[in-house]
């Protein structure tokens, strides 16, 4: 007996293979390490990239810059500490 083409699709495929799920997985893994890039720090803290840049430029948020690299990362512990300080009224 012939099977119609529509019945040959597997409706129980692994959903993680969907393109949108792959993007979500990469975002989660990006924010899972100790050092966060600006986008991951934004996702982690809810603070916009531009505000994070301003905080780094003003010296209110430390940045980790390995030697000979322009790029910097934010240490998750520094970000948590800064947020705790701001909650306690330590912000400007």
PDB file of N, CA and C in Angstrom:
ATOM      1  N   UNK A   1       0.828  -1.156   0.000  1.00  0.00           N
ATOM      2  CA  UNK A   1       0.000   0.000   0.000  1.00  0.00           C
ATOM      3  C   UNK A   1       0.888   1.240   0.000  1.00  0.00           C
ATOM      4  N   UNK A   2       0.507   2.230  -0.794  1.00  0.00           N
ATOM      5  CA  UNK A   2       1.275   3.466  -0.906  1.00  0.00           C
ATOM      6  C   UNK A   2       0.954   4.414   0.241  1.00  0.00           C
ATOM      7  N   UNK A   3       1.978   5.080   0.748  1.00  0.00           N
ATOM      8  CA  UNK A   3       1.804   6.043   1.831  1.00  0.00           C
ATOM      9  C   UNK A   3       1.855   7.442   1.244  1.00  0.00           C
ATOM     10  N   UNK A   4       0.872   8.280   1.532  1.00  0.00           N
ATOM     11  CA  UNK A   4       0.936   9.656   1.042  1.00  0.00           C
ATOM     12  C   UNK A   4       2.174  10.352   1.610  1.00  0.00           C
ATOM     13  N   UNK A   5       2.728  11.278   0.852  1.00  0.00           N
ATOM     14  CA  UNK A   5       3.961  11.969   1.244  1.00  0.00           C
ATOM     15  C   UNK A   5       3.802  12.667   2.584  1.00  0.00           C
ATOM     16  N   UNK A   6       2.667  13.264   2.843  1.00  0.00           N
ATOM     17  CA  UNK A   6       2.451  13.970   4.108  1.00  0.00           C
ATOM     18  C   UNK A   6       2.561  13.058   5.309  1.00  0.00           C
ATOM     19  N   UNK A   7       2.247  11.769   5.146  1.00  0.00           N
ATOM     20  CA  UNK A   7       2.325  10.830   6.259  1.00  0.00           C
ATOM     21  C   UNK A   7       3.741  10.356   6.527  1.00  0.00           C
ATOM     22  N   UNK A   8       4.673  10.643   5.634  1.00  0.00           N
ATOM     23  CA  UNK A   8       6.040  10.179   5.791  1.00  0.00           C
ATOM     24  C   UNK A   8       6.862  11.094   6.693  1.00  0.00           C
ATOM     25  N   UNK A   9       6.357  12.273   6.981  1.00  0.00           N
ATOM     26  CA  UNK A   9       7.120  13.176   7.839  1.00  0.00           C
ATOM     27  C   UNK A   9       7.058  12.689   9.270  1.00  0.00           C
ATOM     28  N   UNK A  10       8.120  12.873   9.980  1.00  0.00           N
ATOM     29  CA  UNK A  10       8.189  12.460  11.373  1.00  0.00           C
ATOM     30  C   UNK A  10       7.785  13.644  12.236  1.00  0.00           C
ATOM     31  N   UNK A  11       6.614  13.549  12.843  1.00  0.00           N
ATOM     32  CA  UNK A  11       6.113  14.652  13.657  1.00  0.00           C
ATOM     33  C   UNK A  11       6.817  14.737  15.003  1.00  0.00           C
ATOM     34  N   UNK A  12       7.593  13.716  15.343  1.00  0.00           N
ATOM     35  CA  UNK A  12       8.258  13.688  16.643  1.00  0.00           C
ATOM     36  C   UNK A  12       9.753  13.929  16.516  1.00  0.00           C
ATOM     37  N   UNK A  13      10.150  14.730  15.522  1.00  0.00           N
ATOM     38  CA  UNK A  13      11.565  15.046  15.366  1.00  0.00           C
ATOM     39  C   UNK A  13      12.043  15.830  16.576  1.00  0.00           C
ATOM     40  N   UNK A  14      13.333  15.774  16.823  1.00  0.00           N
ATOM     41  CA  UNK A  14      13.919  16.521  17.930  1.00  0.00           C
ATOM     42  C   UNK A  14      13.707  18.008  17.688  1.00  0.00           C
ATOM     43  N   UNK A  15      13.006  18.660  18.597  1.00  0.00           N
ATOM     44  CA  UNK A  15      12.699  20.077  18.429  1.00  0.00           C
ATOM     45  C   UNK A  15      13.927  20.959  18.542  1.00  0.00           C
ATOM     46  N   UNK A  16      14.989  20.459  19.147  1.00  0.00           N
ATOM     47  CA  UNK A  16      16.207  21.253  19.292  1.00  0.00           C
ATOM     48  C   UNK A  16      16.869  21.540  17.952  1.00  0.00           C
ATOM     49  N   UNK A  17      16.456  20.828  16.918  1.00  0.00           N
ATOM     50  CA  UNK A  17      17.072  21.043  15.619  1.00  0.00           C
ATOM     51  C   UNK A  17      16.424  22.194  14.855  1.00  0.00           C
ATOM     52  N   UNK A  18      15.357  22.772  15.387  1.00  0.00           N
ATOM     53  CA  UNK A  18      14.718  23.908  14.737  1.00  0.00           C
ATOM     54  C   UNK A  18      15.654  25.109  14.810  1.00  0.00           C
ATOM     55  N   UNK A  19      15.708  25.930  13.750  1.00  0.00           N
ATOM     56  CA  UNK A  19      16.646  27.066  13.724  1.00  0.00           C
ATOM     57  C   UNK A  19      16.468  28.022  14.902  1.00  0.00           C
ATOM     58  N   UNK A  20      15.260  28.317  15.299  1.00  0.00           N
ATOM     59  CA  UNK A  20      15.036  29.224  16.418  1.00  0.00           C
ATOM     60  C   UNK A  20      15.549  28.659  17.726  1.00  0.00           C
ATOM     61  N   UNK A  21      15.443  27.344  17.892  1.00  0.00           N
ATOM     62  CA  UNK A  21      15.940  26.703  19.107  1.00  0.00           C
ATOM     63  C   UNK A  21      17.462  26.718  19.153  1.00  0.00           C
ATOM     64  N   UNK A  22      18.096  26.638  18.010  1.00  0.00           N
ATOM     65  CA  UNK A  22      19.564  26.687  17.953  1.00  0.00           C
ATOM     66  C   UNK A  22      20.061  28.054  18.407  1.00  0.00           C
ATOM     67  N   UNK A  23      19.380  29.099  17.995  1.00  0.00           N
ATOM     68  CA  UNK A  23      19.747  30.454  18.415  1.00  0.00           C
ATOM     69  C   UNK A  23      19.579  30.591  19.926  1.00  0.00           C
ATOM     70  N   UNK A  24      18.486  30.082  20.461  1.00  0.00           N
ATOM     71  CA  UNK A  24      18.254  30.146  21.903  1.00  0.00           C
ATOM     72  C   UNK A  24      19.321  29.360  22.658  1.00  0.00           C
ATOM     73  N   UNK A  25      19.716  28.209  22.133  1.00  0.00           N
ATOM     74  CA  UNK A  25      20.746  27.393  22.779  1.00  0.00           C
ATOM     75  C   UNK A  25      22.072  28.133  22.810  1.00  0.00           C
ATOM     76  N   UNK A  26      22.424  28.802  21.695  1.00  0.00           N
ATOM     77  CA  UNK A  26      23.676  29.555  21.655  1.00  0.00           C
ATOM     78  C   UNK A  26      23.644  30.724  22.638  1.00  0.00           C
ATOM     79  N   UNK A  27      22.504  31.382  22.771  1.00  0.00           N
ATOM     80  CA  UNK A  27      22.403  32.491  23.719  1.00  0.00           C
ATOM     81  C   UNK A  27      22.566  31.998  25.140  1.00  0.00           C
ATOM     82  N   UNK A  28      21.960  30.844  25.460  1.00  0.00           N
ATOM     83  CA  UNK A  28      22.106  30.291  26.803  1.00  0.00           C
ATOM     84  C   UNK A  28      23.553  29.919  27.082  1.00  0.00           C
ATOM     85  N   UNK A  29      24.213  29.303  26.107  1.00  0.00           N
ATOM     86  CA  UNK A  29      25.598  28.894  26.338  1.00  0.00           C
ATOM     87  C   UNK A  29      26.512  30.109  26.412  1.00  0.00           C
ATOM     88  N   UNK A  30      26.173  31.166  25.699  1.00  0.00           N
ATOM     89  CA  UNK A  30      26.983  32.374  25.746  1.00  0.00           C
ATOM     90  C   UNK A  30      26.940  33.000  27.134  1.00  0.00           C
ATOM     91  N   UNK A  31      25.810  32.910  27.807  1.00  0.00           N
ATOM     92  CA  UNK A  31      25.656  33.521  29.114  1.00  0.00           C
ATOM     93  C   UNK A  31      25.973  32.556  30.248  1.00  0.00           C
ATOM     94  N   UNK A  32      26.515  31.387  29.954  1.00  0.00           N
ATOM     95  CA  UNK A  32      26.714  30.401  31.005  1.00  0.00           C
ATOM     96  C   UNK A  32      28.118  30.432  31.605  1.00  0.00           C
ATOM     97  N   UNK A  33      29.063  31.133  30.994  1.00  0.00           N
ATOM     98  CA  UNK A  33      30.424  31.169  31.510  1.00  0.00           C
ATOM     99  C   UNK A  33      30.620  32.272  32.531  1.00  0.00           C
ATOM    100  N   UNK A  34      31.826  32.361  33.042  1.00  0.00           N
ATOM    101  CA  UNK A  34      32.149  33.390  34.034  1.00  0.00           C
ATOM    102  C   UNK A  34      32.256  34.756  33.376  1.00  0.00           C
ATOM    103  N   UNK A  35      32.913  34.819  32.211  1.00  0.00           N
ATOM    104  CA  UNK A  35      33.082  36.090  31.511  1.00  0.00           C
ATOM    105  C   UNK A  35      31.976  36.253  30.479  1.00  0.00           C
ATOM    106  N   UNK A  36      31.368  37.422  30.488  1.00  0.00           N
ATOM    107  CA  UNK A  36      30.245  37.698  29.598  1.00  0.00           C
ATOM    108  C   UNK A  36      30.621  38.791  28.616  1.00  0.00           C
ATOM    109  N   UNK A  37      30.282  38.591  27.335  1.00  0.00           N
ATOM    110  CA  UNK A  37      30.418  39.706  26.404  1.00  0.00           C
ATOM    111  C   UNK A  37      29.236  40.650  26.656  1.00  0.00           C
ATOM    112  N   UNK A  38      29.216  41.777  25.976  1.00  0.00           N
ATOM    113  CA  UNK A  38      28.185  42.773  26.277  1.00  0.00           C
ATOM    114  C   UNK A  38      26.777  42.245  26.043  1.00  0.00           C
ATOM    115  N   UNK A  39      26.570  41.494  24.973  1.00  0.00           N
ATOM    116  CA  UNK A  39      25.242  40.958  24.682  1.00  0.00           C
ATOM    117  C   UNK A  39      24.808  39.963  25.755  1.00  0.00           C
ATOM    118  N   UNK A  40      25.732  39.108  26.191  1.00  0.00           N
ATOM    119  CA  UNK A  40      25.402  38.134  27.232  1.00  0.00           C
ATOM    120  C   UNK A  40      25.154  38.847  28.564  1.00  0.00           C
ATOM    121  N   UNK A  41      25.939  39.892  28.855  1.00  0.00           N
ATOM    122  CA  UNK A  41      25.736  40.659  30.083  1.00  0.00           C
ATOM    123  C   UNK A  41      24.383  41.371  30.044  1.00  0.00           C
ATOM    124  N   UNK A  42      23.996  41.831  28.868  1.00  0.00           N
ATOM    125  CA  UNK A  42      22.683  42.455  28.711  1.00  0.00           C
ATOM    126  C   UNK A  42      21.578  41.436  28.991  1.00  0.00           C
ATOM    127  N   UNK A  43      21.700  40.242  28.409  1.00  0.00           N
ATOM    128  CA  UNK A  43      20.692  39.197  28.618  1.00  0.00           C
ATOM    129  C   UNK A  43      20.661  38.762  30.076  1.00  0.00           C
ATOM    130  N   UNK A  44      21.810  38.679  30.700  1.00  0.00           N
ATOM    131  CA  UNK A  44      21.920  38.223  32.090  1.00  0.00           C
ATOM    132  C   UNK A  44      21.338  39.242  33.067  1.00  0.00           C
ATOM    133  N   UNK A  45      21.642  40.532  32.839  1.00  0.00           N
ATOM    134  CA  UNK A  45      21.306  41.555  33.827  1.00  0.00           C
ATOM    135  C   UNK A  45      20.062  42.377  33.487  1.00  0.00           C
ATOM    136  N   UNK A  46      19.713  42.437  32.223  1.00  0.00           N
ATOM    137  CA  UNK A  46      18.624  43.308  31.812  1.00  0.00           C
ATOM    138  C   UNK A  46      19.060  44.743  31.593  1.00  0.00           C
ATOM    139  N   UNK A  47      20.361  45.007  31.705  1.00  0.00           N
ATOM    140  CA  UNK A  47      20.911  46.343  31.479  1.00  0.00           C
ATOM    141  C   UNK A  47      21.341  46.428  30.016  1.00  0.00           C
ATOM    142  N   UNK A  48      20.938  47.489  29.331  1.00  0.00           N
ATOM    143  CA  UNK A  48      21.226  47.591  27.896  1.00  0.00           C
ATOM    144  C   UNK A  48      22.736  47.644  27.629  1.00  0.00           C
ATOM    145  N   UNK A  49      23.105  47.236  26.431  1.00  0.00           N
ATOM    146  CA  UNK A  49      24.510  47.261  26.019  1.00  0.00           C
ATOM    147  C   UNK A  49      25.077  48.673  26.150  1.00  0.00           C
ATOM    148  N   UNK A  50      24.300  49.671  25.753  1.00  0.00           N
ATOM    149  CA  UNK A  50      24.791  51.046  25.793  1.00  0.00           C
ATOM    150  C   UNK A  50      25.025  51.516  27.230  1.00  0.00           C
ATOM    151  N   UNK A  51      24.155  51.129  28.150  1.00  0.00           N
ATOM    152  CA  UNK A  51      24.352  51.479  29.553  1.00  0.00           C
ATOM    153  C   UNK A  51      25.569  50.758  30.112  1.00  0.00           C
ATOM    154  N   UNK A  52      25.741  49.486  29.745  1.00  0.00           N
ATOM    155  CA  UNK A  52      26.932  48.743  30.178  1.00  0.00           C
ATOM    156  C   UNK A  52      28.198  49.432  29.673  1.00  0.00           C
ATOM    157  N   UNK A  53      28.190  49.883  28.413  1.00  0.00           N
ATOM    158  CA  UNK A  53      29.347  50.605  27.863  1.00  0.00           C
ATOM    159  C   UNK A  53      29.628  51.874  28.664  1.00  0.00           C
ATOM    160  N   UNK A  54      28.567  52.605  29.000  1.00  0.00           N
ATOM    161  CA  UNK A  54      28.731  53.835  29.791  1.00  0.00           C
ATOM    162  C   UNK A  54      29.314  53.527  31.170  1.00  0.00           C
ATOM    163  N   UNK A  55      28.830  52.452  31.809  1.00  0.00           N
ATOM    164  CA  UNK A  55      29.326  52.077  33.131  1.00  0.00           C
ATOM    165  C   UNK A  55      30.795  51.672  33.080  1.00  0.00           C
ATOM    166  N   UNK A  56      31.183  50.999  32.009  1.00  0.00           N
ATOM    167  CA  UNK A  56      32.587  50.612  31.836  1.00  0.00           C
ATOM    168  C   UNK A  56      33.443  51.856  31.608  1.00  0.00           C
ATOM    169  N   UNK A  57      32.985  52.753  30.731  1.00  0.00           N
ATOM    170  CA  UNK A  57      33.745  53.967  30.414  1.00  0.00           C
ATOM    171  C   UNK A  57      33.928  54.859  31.641  1.00  0.00           C
ATOM    172  N   UNK A  58      32.934  54.894  32.521  1.00  0.00           N
ATOM    173  CA  UNK A  58      33.018  55.743  33.713  1.00  0.00           C
ATOM    174  C   UNK A  58      33.797  55.076  34.847  1.00  0.00           C
ATOM    175  N   UNK A  59      34.150  53.805  34.669  1.00  0.00           N
ATOM    176  CA  UNK A  59      34.887  53.089  35.692  1.00  0.00           C
ATOM    177  C   UNK A  59      34.007  52.469  36.768  1.00  0.00           C
ATOM    178  N   UNK A  60      32.689  52.559  36.605  1.00  0.00           N
ATOM    179  CA  UNK A  60      31.762  52.001  37.592  1.00  0.00           C
ATOM    180  C   UNK A  60      31.579  50.494  37.451  1.00  0.00           C
ATOM    181  N   UNK A  61      31.994  49.945  36.331  1.00  0.00           N
ATOM    182  CA  UNK A  61      31.903  48.501  36.108  1.00  0.00           C
ATOM    183  C   UNK A  61      33.225  48.038  35.507  1.00  0.00           C
ATOM    184  N   UNK A  62      33.956  47.176  36.226  1.00  0.00           N
ATOM    185  CA  UNK A  62      35.245  46.705  35.703  1.00  0.00           C
ATOM    186  C   UNK A  62      35.063  45.851  34.448  1.00  0.00           C
ATOM    187  N   UNK A  63      36.070  45.864  33.610  1.00  0.00           N
ATOM    188  CA  UNK A  63      36.064  45.043  32.404  1.00  0.00           C
ATOM    189  C   UNK A  63      37.364  44.241  32.370  1.00  0.00           C
ATOM    190  N   UNK A  64      37.280  43.020  31.887  1.00  0.00           N
ATOM    191  CA  UNK A  64      38.449  42.149  31.769  1.00  0.00           C
ATOM    192  C   UNK A  64      38.943  42.253  30.331  1.00  0.00           C
ATOM    193  N   UNK A  65      40.174  42.751  30.167  1.00  0.00           N
ATOM    194  CA  UNK A  65      40.764  42.872  28.823  1.00  0.00           C
ATOM    195  C   UNK A  65      42.088  42.113  28.817  1.00  0.00           C
ATOM    196  N   UNK A  66      42.117  40.964  28.161  1.00  0.00           N
ATOM    197  CA  UNK A  66      43.385  40.231  28.054  1.00  0.00           C
ATOM    198  C   UNK A  66      44.418  41.068  27.292  1.00  0.00           C
ATOM    199  N   UNK A  67      45.703  40.835  27.549  1.00  0.00           N
ATOM    200  CA  UNK A  67      46.752  41.601  26.865  1.00  0.00           C
ATOM    201  C   UNK A  67      46.624  41.519  25.345  1.00  0.00           C
ATOM    202  N   UNK A  68      46.891  42.636  24.701  1.00  0.00           N
ATOM    203  CA  UNK A  68      46.918  42.769  23.246  1.00  0.00           C
ATOM    204  C   UNK A  68      45.562  42.571  22.567  1.00  0.00           C
ATOM    205  N   UNK A  69      44.479  42.627  23.332  1.00  0.00           N
ATOM    206  CA  UNK A  69      43.141  42.517  22.745  1.00  0.00           C
ATOM    207  C   UNK A  69      42.355  43.781  23.056  1.00  0.00           C
ATOM    208  N   UNK A  70      41.621  44.265  22.073  1.00  0.00           N
ATOM    209  CA  UNK A  70      40.761  45.422  22.292  1.00  0.00           C
ATOM    210  C   UNK A  70      39.472  45.020  22.990  1.00  0.00           C
ATOM    211  N   UNK A  71      39.027  43.830  22.708  1.00  0.00           N
ATOM    212  CA  UNK A  71      37.750  43.363  23.224  1.00  0.00           C
ATOM    213  C   UNK A  71      37.826  43.109  24.723  1.00  0.00           C
ATOM    214  N   UNK A  72      36.729  43.391  25.401  1.00  0.00           N
ATOM    215  CA  UNK A  72      36.680  43.162  26.831  1.00  0.00           C
ATOM    216  C   UNK A  72      35.457  42.343  27.212  1.00  0.00           C
ATOM    217  N   UNK A  73      35.550  41.716  28.367  1.00  0.00           N
ATOM    218  CA  UNK A  73      34.449  40.921  28.887  1.00  0.00           C
ATOM    219  C   UNK A  73      34.137  41.389  30.293  1.00  0.00           C
ATOM    220  N   UNK A  74      32.918  41.162  30.717  1.00  0.00           N
ATOM    221  CA  UNK A  74      32.492  41.521  32.059  1.00  0.00           C
ATOM    222  C   UNK A  74      32.454  40.247  32.892  1.00  0.00           C
ATOM    223  N   UNK A  75      33.110  40.289  34.036  1.00  0.00           N
ATOM    224  CA  UNK A  75      33.092  39.163  34.957  1.00  0.00           C
ATOM    225  C   UNK A  75      31.715  39.141  35.630  1.00  0.00           C
ATOM    226  N   UNK A  76      31.080  37.989  35.593  1.00  0.00           N
ATOM    227  CA  UNK A  76      29.744  37.844  36.171  1.00  0.00           C
ATOM    228  C   UNK A  76      29.728  38.280  37.647  1.00  0.00           C
ATOM    229  N   UNK A  77      30.789  37.959  38.393  1.00  0.00           N
ATOM    230  CA  UNK A  77      30.865  38.336  39.815  1.00  0.00           C
ATOM    231  C   UNK A  77      30.906  39.855  39.970  1.00  0.00           C
ATOM    232  N   UNK A  78      31.640  40.552  39.081  1.00  0.00           N
ATOM    233  CA  UNK A  78      31.692  42.025  39.134  1.00  0.00           C
ATOM    234  C   UNK A  78      30.323  42.623  38.840  1.00  0.00           C
ATOM    235  N   UNK A  79      29.622  42.040  37.888  1.00  0.00           N
ATOM    236  CA  UNK A  79      28.294  42.529  37.533  1.00  0.00           C
ATOM    237  C   UNK A  79      27.318  42.308  38.693  1.00  0.00           C
ATOM    238  N   UNK A  80      27.361  41.130  39.289  1.00  0.00           N
ATOM    239  CA  UNK A  80      26.496  40.853  40.443  1.00  0.00           C
ATOM    240  C   UNK A  80      26.796  41.799  41.599  1.00  0.00           C
ATOM    241  N   UNK A  81      28.087  42.039  41.843  1.00  0.00           N
ATOM    242  CA  UNK A  81      28.506  42.926  42.933  1.00  0.00           C
ATOM    243  C   UNK A  81      28.033  44.359  42.669  1.00  0.00           C
ATOM    244  N   UNK A  82      28.188  44.814  41.439  1.00  0.00           N
ATOM    245  CA  UNK A  82      27.768  46.176  41.100  1.00  0.00           C
ATOM    246  C   UNK A  82      26.255  46.332  41.280  1.00  0.00           C
ATOM    247  N   UNK A  83      25.497  45.351  40.833  1.00  0.00           N
ATOM    248  CA  UNK A  83      24.045  45.428  40.979  1.00  0.00           C
ATOM    249  C   UNK A  83      23.658  45.437  42.459  1.00  0.00           C
ATOM    250  N   UNK A  84      24.317  44.617  43.261  1.00  0.00           N
ATOM    251  CA  UNK A  84      24.037  44.581  44.710  1.00  0.00           C
ATOM    252  C   UNK A  84      24.367  45.941  45.345  1.00  0.00           C
ATOM    253  N   UNK A  85      25.472  46.556  44.920  1.00  0.00           N
ATOM    254  CA  UNK A  85      25.838  47.869  45.445  1.00  0.00           C
ATOM    255  C   UNK A  85      24.793  48.918  45.064  1.00  0.00           C
ATOM    256  N   UNK A  86      24.312  48.871  43.830  1.00  0.00           N
ATOM    257  CA  UNK A  86      23.333  49.844  43.371  1.00  0.00           C
ATOM    258  C   UNK A  86      22.013  49.658  44.112  1.00  0.00           C
ATOM    259  N   UNK A  87      21.664  48.423  44.420  1.00  0.00           N
ATOM    260  CA  UNK A  87      20.438  48.164  45.167  1.00  0.00           C
ATOM    261  C   UNK A  87      20.533  48.735  46.575  1.00  0.00           C
ATOM    262  N   UNK A  88      21.738  48.702  47.131  1.00  0.00           N
ATOM    263  CA  UNK A  88      21.950  49.207  48.482  1.00  0.00           C
ATOM    264  C   UNK A  88      22.135  50.707  48.553  1.00  0.00           C
ATOM    265  N   UNK A  89      21.962  51.395  47.436  1.00  0.00           N
ATOM    266  CA  UNK A  89      22.112  52.846  47.413  1.00  0.00           C
ATOM    267  C   UNK A  89      23.538  53.289  47.168  1.00  0.00           C
ATOM    268  N   UNK A  90      24.411  52.367  46.732  1.00  0.00           N
ATOM    269  CA  UNK A  90      25.807  52.711  46.484  1.00  0.00           C
ATOM    270  C   UNK A  90      26.037  53.352  45.131  1.00  0.00           C
ATOM    271  N   UNK A  91      25.005  53.439  44.304  1.00  0.00           N
ATOM    272  CA  UNK A  91      25.154  54.041  42.980  1.00  0.00           C
ATOM    273  C   UNK A  91      25.196  55.538  43.061  1.00  0.00           C
ATOM    274  N   UNK A  92      25.607  56.156  41.955  1.00  0.00           N
ATOM    275  CA  UNK A  92      25.691  57.626  41.932  1.00  0.00           C
ATOM    276  C   UNK A  92      24.357  58.245  41.650  1.00  0.00           C
TER     277      UNK A  92
END
